[in-house]
PDB file of N, CA and C in Angstrom:
ATOM      1  N   MET A   1      24.037  12.053 -59.630  1.00  0.00           N
ATOM      2  CA  MET A   1      22.748  10.960 -59.893  1.00  0.00           C
ATOM      3  C   MET A   1      22.156  10.419 -58.663  1.00  0.00           C
ATOM      4  N   ALA A   2      21.019  10.483 -58.330  1.00  0.00           N
ATOM      5  CA  ALA A   2      20.201  10.047 -57.449  1.00  0.00           C
ATOM      6  C   ALA A   2      20.259   8.605 -57.486  1.00  0.00           C
ATOM      7  N   TYR A   3      19.890   7.993 -56.003  1.00  0.00           N
ATOM      8  CA  TYR A   3      20.212   6.709 -55.848  1.00  0.00           C
ATOM      9  C   TYR A   3      18.490   6.189 -56.284  1.00  0.00           C
ATOM     10  N   ASP A   4      18.211   5.171 -56.668  1.00  0.00           N
ATOM     11  CA  ASP A   4      16.983   4.609 -56.822  1.00  0.00           C
ATOM     12  C   ASP A   4      16.594   3.585 -55.695  1.00  0.00           C
ATOM     13  N   TYR A   5      15.887   4.259 -54.976  1.00  0.00           N
ATOM     14  CA  TYR A   5      15.372   3.458 -53.635  1.00  0.00           C
ATOM     15  C   TYR A   5      14.308   2.290 -53.669  1.00  0.00           C
ATOM     16  N   THR A   6      13.877   2.007 -54.677  1.00  0.00           N
ATOM     17  CA  THR A   6      13.002   1.161 -55.026  1.00  0.00           C
ATOM     18  C   THR A   6      13.154  -0.423 -54.527  1.00  0.00           C
ATOM     19  N   SER A   7      14.429  -0.814 -54.760  1.00  0.00           N
ATOM     20  CA  SER A   7      15.057  -2.057 -54.546  1.00  0.00           C
ATOM     21  C   SER A   7      15.142  -2.473 -53.025  1.00  0.00           C
ATOM     22  N   LEU A   8      15.289  -1.080 -52.244  1.00  0.00           N
ATOM     23  CA  LEU A   8      15.331  -1.290 -50.791  1.00  0.00           C
ATOM     24  C   LEU A   8      14.170  -1.178 -50.175  1.00  0.00           C
ATOM     25  N   GLN A   9      12.843  -0.701 -50.961  1.00  0.00           N
ATOM     26  CA  GLN A   9      11.634  -0.908 -50.678  1.00  0.00           C
ATOM     27  C   GLN A   9      11.182  -2.304 -50.578  1.00  0.00           C
ATOM     28  N   ALA A  10      11.446  -3.073 -51.621  1.00  0.00           N
ATOM     29  CA  ALA A  10      11.098  -4.372 -51.796  1.00  0.00           C
ATOM     30  C   ALA A  10      11.882  -5.124 -50.722  1.00  0.00           C
ATOM     31  N   THR A  11      13.115  -4.982 -50.488  1.00  0.00           N
ATOM     32  CA  THR A  11      13.735  -5.442 -49.465  1.00  0.00           C
ATOM     33  C   THR A  11      13.078  -5.452 -48.162  1.00  0.00           C
ATOM     34  N   ALA A  12      12.720  -4.451 -47.787  1.00  0.00           N
ATOM     35  CA  ALA A  12      12.016  -3.865 -46.513  1.00  0.00           C
ATOM     36  C   ALA A  12      10.865  -4.750 -46.530  1.00  0.00           C
ATOM     37  N   LEU A  13      10.105  -4.876 -47.514  1.00  0.00           N
ATOM     38  CA  LEU A  13       8.793  -5.764 -47.467  1.00  0.00           C
ATOM     39  C   LEU A  13       9.264  -6.906 -47.299  1.00  0.00           C
ATOM     40  N   ALA A  14      10.217  -7.550 -47.750  1.00  0.00           N
ATOM     41  CA  ALA A  14      10.504  -8.923 -47.901  1.00  0.00           C
ATOM     42  C   ALA A  14      10.771  -9.296 -46.493  1.00  0.00           C
ATOM     43  N   LEU A  15      11.747  -8.586 -45.953  1.00  0.00           N
ATOM     44  CA  LEU A  15      12.338  -8.733 -44.371  1.00  0.00           C
ATOM     45  C   LEU A  15      11.260  -8.470 -43.448  1.00  0.00           C
ATOM     46  N   ILE A  16      10.165  -7.751 -43.586  1.00  0.00           N
ATOM     47  CA  ILE A  16       9.273  -7.551 -42.805  1.00  0.00           C
ATOM     48  C   ILE A  16       8.179  -8.569 -42.899  1.00  0.00           C
ATOM     49  N   THR A  17       7.954  -9.000 -43.910  1.00  0.00           N
ATOM     50  CA  THR A  17       7.008 -10.238 -44.279  1.00  0.00           C
ATOM     51  C   THR A  17       7.670 -11.442 -43.721  1.00  0.00           C
ATOM     52  N   ARG A  18       8.886 -11.692 -43.835  1.00  0.00           N
ATOM     53  CA  ARG A  18       9.701 -12.962 -43.330  1.00  0.00           C
ATOM     54  C   ARG A  18       9.630 -13.040 -41.627  1.00  0.00           C
ATOM     55  N   PHE A  19       9.790 -11.924 -41.140  1.00  0.00           N
ATOM     56  CA  PHE A  19      10.290 -11.935 -39.551  1.00  0.00           C
ATOM     57  C   PHE A  19       9.060 -11.610 -39.006  1.00  0.00           C
ATOM     58  N   GLY A  20       7.905 -10.675 -39.597  1.00  0.00           N
ATOM     59  CA  GLY A  20       6.817 -10.352 -39.013  1.00  0.00           C
ATOM     60  C   GLY A  20       5.650 -11.076 -39.440  1.00  0.00           C
ATOM     61  N   LYS A  21       4.464 -10.433 -39.474  1.00  0.00           N
ATOM     62  CA  LYS A  21       3.330 -11.163 -39.975  1.00  0.00           C
ATOM     63  C   LYS A  21       2.126  -9.844 -40.313  1.00  0.00           C
ATOM     64  N   ALA A  22       1.229 -10.423 -41.035  1.00  0.00           N
ATOM     65  CA  ALA A  22       0.113  -9.609 -41.360  1.00  0.00           C
ATOM     66  C   ALA A  22      -0.623  -9.059 -40.275  1.00  0.00           C
ATOM     67  N   VAL A  23      -0.811  -7.771 -39.945  1.00  0.00           N
ATOM     68  CA  VAL A  23      -1.686  -7.071 -38.905  1.00  0.00           C
ATOM     69  C   VAL A  23      -2.459  -6.197 -39.519  1.00  0.00           C
ATOM     70  N   THR A  24      -3.681  -5.825 -38.909  1.00  0.00           N
ATOM     71  CA  THR A  24      -4.607  -5.042 -39.327  1.00  0.00           C
ATOM     72  C   THR A  24      -4.127  -3.514 -38.849  1.00  0.00           C
ATOM     73  N   LEU A  25      -4.382  -2.477 -39.852  1.00  0.00           N
ATOM     74  CA  LEU A  25      -4.107  -1.067 -39.541  1.00  0.00           C
ATOM     75  C   LEU A  25      -5.277  -0.510 -39.657  1.00  0.00           C
ATOM     76  N   ARG A  26      -6.146  -0.086 -38.534  1.00  0.00           N
ATOM     77  CA  ARG A  26      -7.490   0.456 -38.607  1.00  0.00           C
ATOM     78  C   ARG A  26      -7.642   2.107 -38.501  1.00  0.00           C
ATOM     79  N   ARG A  27      -8.302   2.612 -39.218  1.00  0.00           N
ATOM     80  CA  ARG A  27      -8.576   4.032 -38.979  1.00  0.00           C
ATOM     81  C   ARG A  27      -9.951   4.256 -38.831  1.00  0.00           C
ATOM     82  N   THR A  28     -10.292   4.814 -37.970  1.00  0.00           N
ATOM     83  CA  THR A  28     -11.768   5.279 -37.608  1.00  0.00           C
ATOM     84  C   THR A  28     -12.327   6.568 -38.151  1.00  0.00           C
ATOM     85  N   GLY A  29     -13.136   6.780 -38.873  1.00  0.00           N
ATOM     86  CA  GLY A  29     -13.861   7.892 -39.383  1.00  0.00           C
ATOM     87  C   GLY A  29     -15.220   8.004 -38.920  1.00  0.00           C
ATOM     88  N   GLN A  30     -15.816   9.320 -39.380  1.00  0.00           N
ATOM     89  CA  GLN A  30     -17.475   9.445 -39.093  1.00  0.00           C
ATOM     90  C   GLN A  30     -18.115   9.475 -40.382  1.00  0.00           C
ATOM     91  N   SER A  31     -19.198   9.027 -40.320  1.00  0.00           N
ATOM     92  CA  SER A  31     -19.977   9.265 -41.569  1.00  0.00           C
ATOM     93  C   SER A  31     -21.493   9.636 -41.232  1.00  0.00           C
ATOM     94  N   ILE A  32     -22.069  10.596 -41.980  1.00  0.00           N
ATOM     95  CA  ILE A  32     -23.520  10.973 -41.745  1.00  0.00           C
ATOM     96  C   ILE A  32     -24.314   9.891 -41.987  1.00  0.00           C
ATOM     97  N   ALA A  33     -25.274   9.429 -41.043  1.00  0.00           N
ATOM     98  CA  ALA A  33     -26.277   8.085 -40.903  1.00  0.00           C
ATOM     99  C   ALA A  33     -27.268   8.847 -41.976  1.00  0.00           C
ATOM    100  N   GLU A  34     -27.967   9.659 -41.915  1.00  0.00           N
ATOM    101  CA  GLU A  34     -28.832  10.111 -42.946  1.00  0.00           C
ATOM    102  C   GLU A  34     -28.710  11.488 -43.446  1.00  0.00           C
ATOM    103  N   ALA A  35     -28.697  11.638 -44.893  1.00  0.00           N
ATOM    104  CA  ALA A  35     -28.686  12.875 -45.164  1.00  0.00           C
ATOM    105  C   ALA A  35     -29.779  14.087 -44.714  1.00  0.00           C
ATOM    106  N   SER A  36     -30.789  13.564 -44.282  1.00  0.00           N
ATOM    107  CA  SER A  36     -31.770  14.409 -43.810  1.00  0.00           C
ATOM    108  C   SER A  36     -31.284  14.874 -42.144  1.00  0.00           C
ATOM    109  N   LYS A  37     -30.521  14.039 -41.716  1.00  0.00           N
ATOM    110  CA  LYS A  37     -30.326  14.236 -40.203  1.00  0.00           C
ATOM    111  C   LYS A  37     -28.664  14.374 -40.337  1.00  0.00           C
ATOM    112  N   PRO A  38     -27.842  15.432 -40.737  1.00  0.00           N
ATOM    113  CA  PRO A  38     -26.465  15.652 -40.640  1.00  0.00           C
ATOM    114  C   PRO A  38     -25.709  15.798 -39.516  1.00  0.00           C
ATOM    115  N   TRP A  39     -26.676  15.921 -38.170  1.00  0.00           N
ATOM    116  CA  TRP A  39     -26.011  15.833 -36.924  1.00  0.00           C
ATOM    117  C   TRP A  39     -25.649  14.592 -36.251  1.00  0.00           C
ATOM    118  N   GLU A  40     -26.270  13.708 -37.040  1.00  0.00           N
ATOM    119  CA  GLU A  40     -26.264  12.211 -36.217  1.00  0.00           C
ATOM    120  C   GLU A  40     -25.147  11.561 -37.373  1.00  0.00           C
ATOM    121  N   VAL A  41     -24.044  11.348 -36.523  1.00  0.00           N
ATOM    122  CA  VAL A  41     -22.976  10.783 -37.307  1.00  0.00           C
ATOM    123  C   VAL A  41     -22.551   9.332 -36.598  1.00  0.00           C
ATOM    124  N   THR A  42     -22.099   8.589 -37.232  1.00  0.00           N
ATOM    125  CA  THR A  42     -21.873   7.232 -36.765  1.00  0.00           C
ATOM    126  C   THR A  42     -20.320   6.893 -36.900  1.00  0.00           C
ATOM    127  N   ALA A  43     -19.600   6.141 -36.151  1.00  0.00           N
ATOM    128  CA  ALA A  43     -18.192   5.872 -36.443  1.00  0.00           C
ATOM    129  C   ALA A  43     -18.144   4.673 -37.254  1.00  0.00           C
ATOM    130  N   SER A  44     -17.132   4.988 -38.137  1.00  0.00           N
ATOM    131  CA  SER A  44     -16.888   3.874 -39.043  1.00  0.00           C
ATOM    132  C   SER A  44     -15.459   3.425 -39.360  1.00  0.00           C
ATOM    133  N   ASN A  45     -15.282   2.202 -39.114  1.00  0.00           N
ATOM    134  CA  ASN A  45     -13.749   1.530 -39.348  1.00  0.00           C
ATOM    135  C   ASN A  45     -13.420   1.265 -40.919  1.00  0.00           C
ATOM    136  N   THR A  46     -12.251   1.500 -41.310  1.00  0.00           N
ATOM    137  CA  THR A  46     -11.708   1.199 -42.407  1.00  0.00           C
ATOM    138  C   THR A  46     -10.293   0.438 -42.064  1.00  0.00           C
ATOM    139  N   ASP A  47     -10.472  -1.051 -42.342  1.00  0.00           N
ATOM    140  CA  ASP A  47      -9.332  -1.915 -42.156  1.00  0.00           C
ATOM    141  C   ASP A  47      -8.478  -2.100 -43.460  1.00  0.00           C
ATOM    142  N   TYR A  48      -6.924  -2.029 -42.972  1.00  0.00           N
ATOM    143  CA  TYR A  48      -6.187  -2.181 -43.888  1.00  0.00           C
ATOM    144  C   TYR A  48      -5.145  -3.341 -43.506  1.00  0.00           C
ATOM    145  N   THR A  49      -4.927  -4.393 -44.385  1.00  0.00           N
ATOM    146  CA  THR A  49      -3.682  -5.421 -43.940  1.00  0.00           C
ATOM    147  C   THR A  49      -2.546  -4.793 -44.362  1.00  0.00           C
ATOM    148  N   VAL A  50      -1.555  -5.056 -43.436  1.00  0.00           N
ATOM    149  CA  VAL A  50      -0.207  -4.631 -43.739  1.00  0.00           C
ATOM    150  C   VAL A  50       0.666  -5.602 -42.898  1.00  0.00           C
ATOM    151  N   GLN A  51       1.837  -5.611 -43.521  1.00  0.00           N
ATOM    152  CA  GLN A  51       2.855  -6.300 -42.901  1.00  0.00           C
ATOM    153  C   GLN A  51       3.620  -5.565 -41.772  1.00  0.00           C
ATOM    154  N   GLY A  52       3.865  -6.324 -40.585  1.00  0.00           N
ATOM    155  CA  GLY A  52       4.512  -5.401 -39.706  1.00  0.00           C
ATOM    156  C   GLY A  52       5.276  -6.596 -38.580  1.00  0.00           C
ATOM    157  N   VAL A  53       6.156  -6.052 -37.967  1.00  0.00           N
ATOM    158  CA  VAL A  53       7.012  -6.663 -36.950  1.00  0.00           C
ATOM    159  C   VAL A  53       6.873  -5.783 -35.648  1.00  0.00           C
ATOM    160  N   ARG A  54       6.515  -6.437 -34.633  1.00  0.00           N
ATOM    161  CA  ARG A  54       6.194  -6.097 -33.213  1.00  0.00           C
ATOM    162  C   ARG A  54       7.652  -5.894 -32.539  1.00  0.00           C
ATOM    163  N   LEU A  55       8.312  -4.856 -32.046  1.00  0.00           N
ATOM    164  CA  LEU A  55       9.244  -4.808 -31.276  1.00  0.00           C
ATOM    165  C   LEU A  55       9.103  -4.186 -29.968  1.00  0.00           C
ATOM    166  N   GLU A  56       9.847  -4.678 -28.856  1.00  0.00           N
ATOM    167  CA  GLU A  56       9.863  -4.056 -27.475  1.00  0.00           C
ATOM    168  C   GLU A  56      10.831  -2.716 -27.816  1.00  0.00           C
ATOM    169  N   TYR A  57      10.403  -1.600 -26.916  1.00  0.00           N
ATOM    170  CA  TYR A  57      11.316  -0.455 -26.495  1.00  0.00           C
ATOM    171  C   TYR A  57      12.352  -0.954 -25.398  1.00  0.00           C
ATOM    172  N   THR A  58      13.534  -0.452 -25.715  1.00  0.00           N
ATOM    173  CA  THR A  58      14.418  -0.933 -24.717  1.00  0.00           C
ATOM    174  C   THR A  58      14.304  -0.036 -23.644  1.00  0.00           C
ATOM    175  N   ALA A  59      15.001  -0.287 -22.326  1.00  0.00           N
ATOM    176  CA  ALA A  59      14.678   0.413 -21.093  1.00  0.00           C
ATOM    177  C   ALA A  59      15.406   1.832 -21.369  1.00  0.00           C
ATOM    178  N   ARG A  60      16.367   1.942 -22.157  1.00  0.00           N
ATOM    179  CA  ARG A  60      17.060   3.283 -22.780  1.00  0.00           C
ATOM    180  C   ARG A  60      16.134   4.130 -23.284  1.00  0.00           C
ATOM    181  N   GLU A  61      15.249   3.455 -24.220  1.00  0.00           N
ATOM    182  CA  GLU A  61      14.464   4.255 -24.903  1.00  0.00           C
ATOM    183  C   GLU A  61      13.098   4.740 -24.282  1.00  0.00           C
ATOM    184  N   THR A  62      12.827   4.024 -23.151  1.00  0.00           N
ATOM    185  CA  THR A  62      11.576   4.213 -22.250  1.00  0.00           C
ATOM    186  C   THR A  62      11.962   5.457 -21.481  1.00  0.00           C
ATOM    187  N   ASP A  63      11.304   6.766 -21.610  1.00  0.00           N
ATOM    188  CA  ASP A  63      11.623   7.795 -20.924  1.00  0.00           C
ATOM    189  C   ASP A  63      10.580   8.007 -19.714  1.00  0.00           C
ATOM    190  N   GLY A  64       9.332   7.589 -19.931  1.00  0.00           N
ATOM    191  CA  GLY A  64       8.319   7.742 -19.063  1.00  0.00           C
ATOM    192  C   GLY A  64       7.287   8.890 -19.341  1.00  0.00           C
ATOM    193  N   THR A  65       7.846   9.559 -20.335  1.00  0.00           N
ATOM    194  CA  THR A  65       6.864  10.747 -21.069  1.00  0.00           C
ATOM    195  C   THR A  65       6.404  10.555 -22.393  1.00  0.00           C
ATOM    196  N   ALA A  66       7.591  10.451 -23.447  1.00  0.00           N
ATOM    197  CA  ALA A  66       7.303  10.580 -24.738  1.00  0.00           C
ATOM    198  C   ALA A  66       6.890   8.754 -25.132  1.00  0.00           C
ATOM    199  N   VAL A  67       7.925   7.874 -24.266  1.00  0.00           N
ATOM    200  CA  VAL A  67       7.624   6.597 -24.449  1.00  0.00           C
ATOM    201  C   VAL A  67       7.422   5.757 -22.938  1.00  0.00           C
ATOM    202  N   ARG A  68       6.279   5.454 -22.830  1.00  0.00           N
ATOM    203  CA  ARG A  68       6.077   4.891 -21.518  1.00  0.00           C
ATOM    204  C   ARG A  68       6.343   3.221 -21.541  1.00  0.00           C
ATOM    205  N   GLN A  69       6.396   3.008 -20.183  1.00  0.00           N
ATOM    206  CA  GLN A  69       6.655   1.419 -19.922  1.00  0.00           C
ATOM    207  C   GLN A  69       5.434   0.838 -20.451  1.00  0.00           C
ATOM    208  N   GLY A  70       5.417  -0.072 -21.210  1.00  0.00           N
ATOM    209  CA  GLY A  70       4.350  -1.030 -21.989  1.00  0.00           C
ATOM    210  C   GLY A  70       4.003  -0.464 -23.486  1.00  0.00           C
ATOM    211  N   ASP A  71       4.438   0.669 -23.925  1.00  0.00           N
ATOM    212  CA  ASP A  71       4.384   0.977 -25.270  1.00  0.00           C
ATOM    213  C   ASP A  71       5.038  -0.143 -26.088  1.00  0.00           C
ATOM    214  N   ARG A  72       4.799  -0.187 -27.197  1.00  0.00           N
ATOM    215  CA  ARG A  72       5.321  -1.079 -28.323  1.00  0.00           C
ATOM    216  C   ARG A  72       5.825  -0.465 -29.563  1.00  0.00           C
ATOM    217  N   LYS A  73       6.697  -1.212 -30.282  1.00  0.00           N
ATOM    218  CA  LYS A  73       6.847  -0.518 -31.447  1.00  0.00           C
ATOM    219  C   LYS A  73       6.680  -1.475 -32.825  1.00  0.00           C
ATOM    220  N   TYR A  74       6.066  -0.901 -33.605  1.00  0.00           N
ATOM    221  CA  TYR A  74       5.952  -1.893 -34.876  1.00  0.00           C
ATOM    222  C   TYR A  74       6.385  -1.209 -36.083  1.00  0.00           C
ATOM    223  N   LEU A  75       7.242  -2.004 -36.871  1.00  0.00           N
ATOM    224  CA  LEU A  75       8.038  -1.567 -38.104  1.00  0.00           C
ATOM    225  C   LEU A  75       6.763  -2.088 -39.184  1.00  0.00           C
ATOM    226  N   VAL A  76       6.463  -1.306 -39.786  1.00  0.00           N
ATOM    227  CA  VAL A  76       5.483  -1.568 -40.950  1.00  0.00           C
ATOM    228  C   VAL A  76       6.016  -1.233 -42.266  1.00  0.00           C
ATOM    229  N   ALA A  77       6.045  -2.161 -43.119  1.00  0.00           N
ATOM    230  CA  ALA A  77       6.543  -2.107 -44.666  1.00  0.00           C
ATOM    231  C   ALA A  77       5.793  -0.957 -45.317  1.00  0.00           C
ATOM    232  N   ALA A  78       6.033  -0.092 -45.963  1.00  0.00           N
ATOM    233  CA  ALA A  78       5.519   0.812 -46.417  1.00  0.00           C
ATOM    234  C   ALA A  78       5.002   0.511 -47.925  1.00  0.00           C
ATOM    235  N   SER A  79       5.683  -0.689 -48.466  1.00  0.00           N
ATOM    236  CA  SER A  79       4.960  -0.913 -49.723  1.00  0.00           C
ATOM    237  C   SER A  79       3.667  -1.375 -49.760  1.00  0.00           C
ATOM    238  N   GLY A  80       2.816  -0.953 -50.689  1.00  0.00           N
ATOM    239  CA  GLY A  80       1.336  -1.596 -50.656  1.00  0.00           C
ATOM    240  C   GLY A  80       0.388  -1.157 -49.626  1.00  0.00           C
ATOM    241  N   VAL A  81       0.932  -0.231 -48.839  1.00  0.00           N
ATOM    242  CA  VAL A  81       0.130   0.557 -47.753  1.00  0.00           C
ATOM    243  C   VAL A  81      -0.886   1.486 -48.433  1.00  0.00           C
ATOM    244  N   ALA A  82      -2.085   1.700 -48.340  1.00  0.00           N
ATOM    245  CA  ALA A  82      -2.959   2.597 -48.990  1.00  0.00           C
ATOM    246  C   ALA A  82      -2.933   3.585 -48.282  1.00  0.00           C
ATOM    247  N   ILE A  83      -2.629   3.997 -46.971  1.00  0.00           N
ATOM    248  CA  ILE A  83      -2.791   5.174 -46.330  1.00  0.00           C
ATOM    249  C   ILE A  83      -1.427   5.317 -45.690  1.00  0.00           C
ATOM    250  N   THR A  84      -1.175   6.592 -45.188  1.00  0.00           N
ATOM    251  CA  THR A  84      -0.077   6.972 -44.295  1.00  0.00           C
ATOM    252  C   THR A  84      -0.785   6.645 -42.711  1.00  0.00           C
ATOM    253  N   PRO A  85      -0.207   5.796 -42.119  1.00  0.00           N
ATOM    254  CA  PRO A  85      -0.185   5.803 -40.659  1.00  0.00           C
ATOM    255  C   PRO A  85      -0.347   7.056 -39.806  1.00  0.00           C
ATOM    256  N   GLN A  86      -1.212   7.409 -38.877  1.00  0.00           N
ATOM    257  CA  GLN A  86      -1.036   8.583 -38.034  1.00  0.00           C
ATOM    258  C   GLN A  86      -1.485   8.378 -36.653  1.00  0.00           C
ATOM    259  N   ALA A  87      -1.296   9.433 -35.968  1.00  0.00           N
ATOM    260  CA  ALA A  87      -1.711   9.006 -34.464  1.00  0.00           C
ATOM    261  C   ALA A  87      -3.220   8.904 -34.598  1.00  0.00           C
ATOM    262  N   GLY A  88      -3.667   8.017 -33.775  1.00  0.00           N
ATOM    263  CA  GLY A  88      -4.999   7.984 -33.822  1.00  0.00           C
ATOM    264  C   GLY A  88      -5.575   6.484 -34.292  1.00  0.00           C
ATOM    265  N   ASP A  89      -4.759   6.163 -35.012  1.00  0.00           N
ATOM    266  CA  ASP A  89      -4.971   4.850 -35.764  1.00  0.00           C
ATOM    267  C   ASP A  89      -4.758   3.613 -34.735  1.00  0.00           C
ATOM    268  N   GLN A  90      -5.265   2.643 -35.232  1.00  0.00           N
ATOM    269  CA  GLN A  90      -5.047   1.365 -34.385  1.00  0.00           C
ATOM    270  C   GLN A  90      -4.577   0.130 -35.152  1.00  0.00           C
ATOM    271  N   ILE A  91      -3.449  -0.519 -34.305  1.00  0.00           N
ATOM    272  CA  ILE A  91      -2.964  -1.734 -34.950  1.00  0.00           C
ATOM    273  C   ILE A  91      -3.664  -2.819 -34.165  1.00  0.00           C
ATOM    274  N   VAL A  92      -4.277  -3.719 -35.157  1.00  0.00           N
ATOM    275  CA  VAL A  92      -4.878  -4.900 -34.297  1.00  0.00           C
ATOM    276  C   VAL A  92      -4.169  -5.787 -34.675  1.00  0.00           C
ATOM    277  N   ASP A  93      -3.582  -6.861 -33.497  1.00  0.00           N
ATOM    278  CA  ASP A  93      -2.860  -7.785 -33.594  1.00  0.00           C
ATOM    279  C   ASP A  93      -3.559  -8.602 -32.755  1.00  0.00           C
ATOM    280  N   THR A  94      -2.670  -9.275 -31.660  1.00  0.00           N
ATOM    281  CA  THR A  94      -3.091  -9.987 -30.615  1.00  0.00           C
ATOM    282  C   THR A  94      -4.233  -9.069 -29.670  1.00  0.00           C
ATOM    283  N   ASP A  95      -3.591  -7.686 -29.606  1.00  0.00           N
ATOM    284  CA  ASP A  95      -4.404  -6.734 -28.889  1.00  0.00           C
ATOM    285  C   ASP A  95      -4.578  -5.698 -29.959  1.00  0.00           C
ATOM    286  N   THR A  96      -5.555  -4.773 -29.458  1.00  0.00           N
ATOM    287  CA  THR A  96      -5.647  -3.610 -30.136  1.00  0.00           C
ATOM    288  C   THR A  96      -5.167  -2.468 -29.655  1.00  0.00           C
ATOM    289  N   LEU A  97      -4.259  -1.907 -30.187  1.00  0.00           N
ATOM    290  CA  LEU A  97      -3.336  -0.921 -29.830  1.00  0.00           C
ATOM    291  C   LEU A  97      -3.271   0.567 -30.670  1.00  0.00           C
ATOM    292  N   THR A  98      -3.530   1.589 -29.842  1.00  0.00           N
ATOM    293  CA  THR A  98      -3.481   2.924 -30.417  1.00  0.00           C
ATOM    294  C   THR A  98      -2.132   3.411 -30.713  1.00  0.00           C
ATOM    295  N   VAL A  99      -1.988   3.853 -32.007  1.00  0.00           N
ATOM    296  CA  VAL A  99      -0.978   4.558 -32.658  1.00  0.00           C
ATOM    297  C   VAL A  99      -0.703   5.945 -31.955  1.00  0.00           C
ATOM    298  N   VAL A 100       0.350   6.247 -31.268  1.00  0.00           N
ATOM    299  CA  VAL A 100       0.635   7.594 -30.637  1.00  0.00           C
ATOM    300  C   VAL A 100       1.607   8.431 -31.295  1.00  0.00           C
ATOM    301  N   ASN A 101       2.343   7.703 -32.095  1.00  0.00           N
ATOM    302  CA  ASN A 101       3.555   8.182 -33.020  1.00  0.00           C
ATOM    303  C   ASN A 101       3.667   7.545 -34.239  1.00  0.00           C
ATOM    304  N   ALA A 102       3.803   8.187 -35.453  1.00  0.00           N
ATOM    305  CA  ALA A 102       4.141   7.419 -36.457  1.00  0.00           C
ATOM    306  C   ALA A 102       5.265   8.145 -37.186  1.00  0.00           C
ATOM    307  N   GLU A 103       6.275   7.547 -37.914  1.00  0.00           N
ATOM    308  CA  GLU A 103       7.323   8.314 -38.497  1.00  0.00           C
ATOM    309  C   GLU A 103       7.549   7.293 -39.771  1.00  0.00           C
ATOM    310  N   ILE A 104       8.014   8.003 -40.632  1.00  0.00           N
ATOM    311  CA  ILE A 104       8.255   7.378 -41.939  1.00  0.00           C
ATOM    312  C   ILE A 104       9.540   7.404 -42.187  1.00  0.00           C
ATOM    313  N   LEU A 105      10.353   6.449 -42.806  1.00  0.00           N
ATOM    314  CA  LEU A 105      11.497   6.403 -43.497  1.00  0.00           C
ATOM    315  C   LEU A 105      11.325   6.593 -44.779  1.00  0.00           C
ATOM    316  N   ASN A 106      11.716   7.759 -45.353  1.00  0.00           N
ATOM    317  CA  ASN A 106      11.155   8.192 -46.646  1.00  0.00           C
ATOM    318  C   ASN A 106      12.461   8.716 -47.470  1.00  0.00           C
ATOM    319  N   PRO A 107      13.511   8.291 -47.993  1.00  0.00           N
ATOM    320  CA  PRO A 107      14.431   8.968 -48.593  1.00  0.00           C
ATOM    321  C   PRO A 107      14.280   8.933 -49.995  1.00  0.00           C
ATOM    322  N   ALA A 108      14.643  10.112 -50.309  1.00  0.00           N
ATOM    323  CA  ALA A 108      14.167  10.527 -51.947  1.00  0.00           C
ATOM    324  C   ALA A 108      12.764  10.366 -52.181  1.00  0.00           C
ATOM    325  N   SER A 109      11.913  10.730 -51.231  1.00  0.00           N
ATOM    326  CA  SER A 109      10.481  10.322 -51.307  1.00  0.00           C
ATOM    327  C   SER A 109      10.147   8.960 -51.692  1.00  0.00           C
ATOM    328  N   THR A 110      10.681   8.128 -51.421  1.00  0.00           N
ATOM    329  CA  THR A 110      10.398   6.709 -51.541  1.00  0.00           C
ATOM    330  C   THR A 110      10.097   6.170 -50.068  1.00  0.00           C
ATOM    331  N   ALA A 111       8.781   5.851 -49.832  1.00  0.00           N
ATOM    332  CA  ALA A 111       8.441   5.433 -48.668  1.00  0.00           C
ATOM    333  C   ALA A 111       9.092   3.859 -48.447  1.00  0.00           C
ATOM    334  N   LEU A 112       9.853   3.590 -47.308  1.00  0.00           N
ATOM    335  CA  LEU A 112      10.429   2.393 -47.067  1.00  0.00           C
ATOM    336  C   LEU A 112       9.640   1.606 -45.879  1.00  0.00           C
ATOM    337  N   ILE A 113       9.532   2.042 -44.786  1.00  0.00           N
ATOM    338  CA  ILE A 113       9.012   1.650 -43.398  1.00  0.00           C
ATOM    339  C   ILE A 113       8.306   2.561 -42.656  1.00  0.00           C
ATOM    340  N   TYR A 114       7.399   2.481 -42.021  1.00  0.00           N
ATOM    341  CA  TYR A 114       6.521   3.414 -40.959  1.00  0.00           C
ATOM    342  C   TYR A 114       7.000   2.952 -39.781  1.00  0.00           C
ATOM    343  N   THR A 115       7.595   3.605 -38.599  1.00  0.00           N
ATOM    344  CA  THR A 115       7.766   3.107 -37.230  1.00  0.00           C
ATOM    345  C   THR A 115       6.616   3.781 -36.489  1.00  0.00           C
ATOM    346  N   LEU A 116       6.052   2.829 -36.034  1.00  0.00           N
ATOM    347  CA  LEU A 116       4.745   3.225 -35.289  1.00  0.00           C
ATOM    348  C   LEU A 116       4.980   2.885 -33.648  1.00  0.00           C
ATOM    349  N   GLN A 117       4.691   3.972 -32.916  1.00  0.00           N
ATOM    350  CA  GLN A 117       4.616   3.597 -31.476  1.00  0.00           C
ATOM    351  C   GLN A 117       3.146   3.559 -30.913  1.00  0.00           C
ATOM    352  N   VAL A 118       3.067   2.476 -30.386  1.00  0.00           N
ATOM    353  CA  VAL A 118       1.665   2.086 -29.999  1.00  0.00           C
ATOM    354  C   VAL A 118       1.367   1.881 -28.577  1.00  0.00           C
ATOM    355  N   ARG A 119       0.250   2.065 -28.142  1.00  0.00           N
ATOM    356  CA  ARG A 119      -0.113   2.068 -26.455  1.00  0.00           C
ATOM    357  C   ARG A 119      -1.499   1.114 -26.492  1.00  0.00           C
ATOM    358  N   LYS A 120      -1.625   0.616 -25.579  1.00  0.00           N
ATOM    359  CA  LYS A 120      -2.965   0.023 -25.094  1.00  0.00           C
ATOM    360  C   LYS A 120      -3.882   1.138 -24.579  1.00  0.00           C
TER     361      LYS A 120
END
C-alpha cells in the first residue's frame, strides 16, 4: 500500500508559511504586440504569490562553480503554486533574484517543496 503524502504537503505549507513569508515568483514571457506585426514582441511578466523561506548556502555547499558565493536558497511550498518554477524565473523579495536551478521534492508524484537556487 502506497503512502499518502498529502498530509506532508499540508505540513510543508504550514511550516514554510510560519517561518517564511509570501514572495513573488515571476515568469517572463513574450507576446506579440500586434497581430499584423508578428515580428514585434514585447516582454510580459506574470507574477505568482508563493510561500517561501530564504536560506543561506553553507561554505561547504558553495563550490564556486554550481553554487557561487552570494547565491541564496529558497524553499517554496509546492501546495497552491500554479506553475513549476524553472531556471530563468525570478523571486521578488527584498531584491529581485534569478532562479538558476530548481528542484522538486516529489514523492509518489505529490509535490511537497521546491528548492530554488537564486542569484543576483
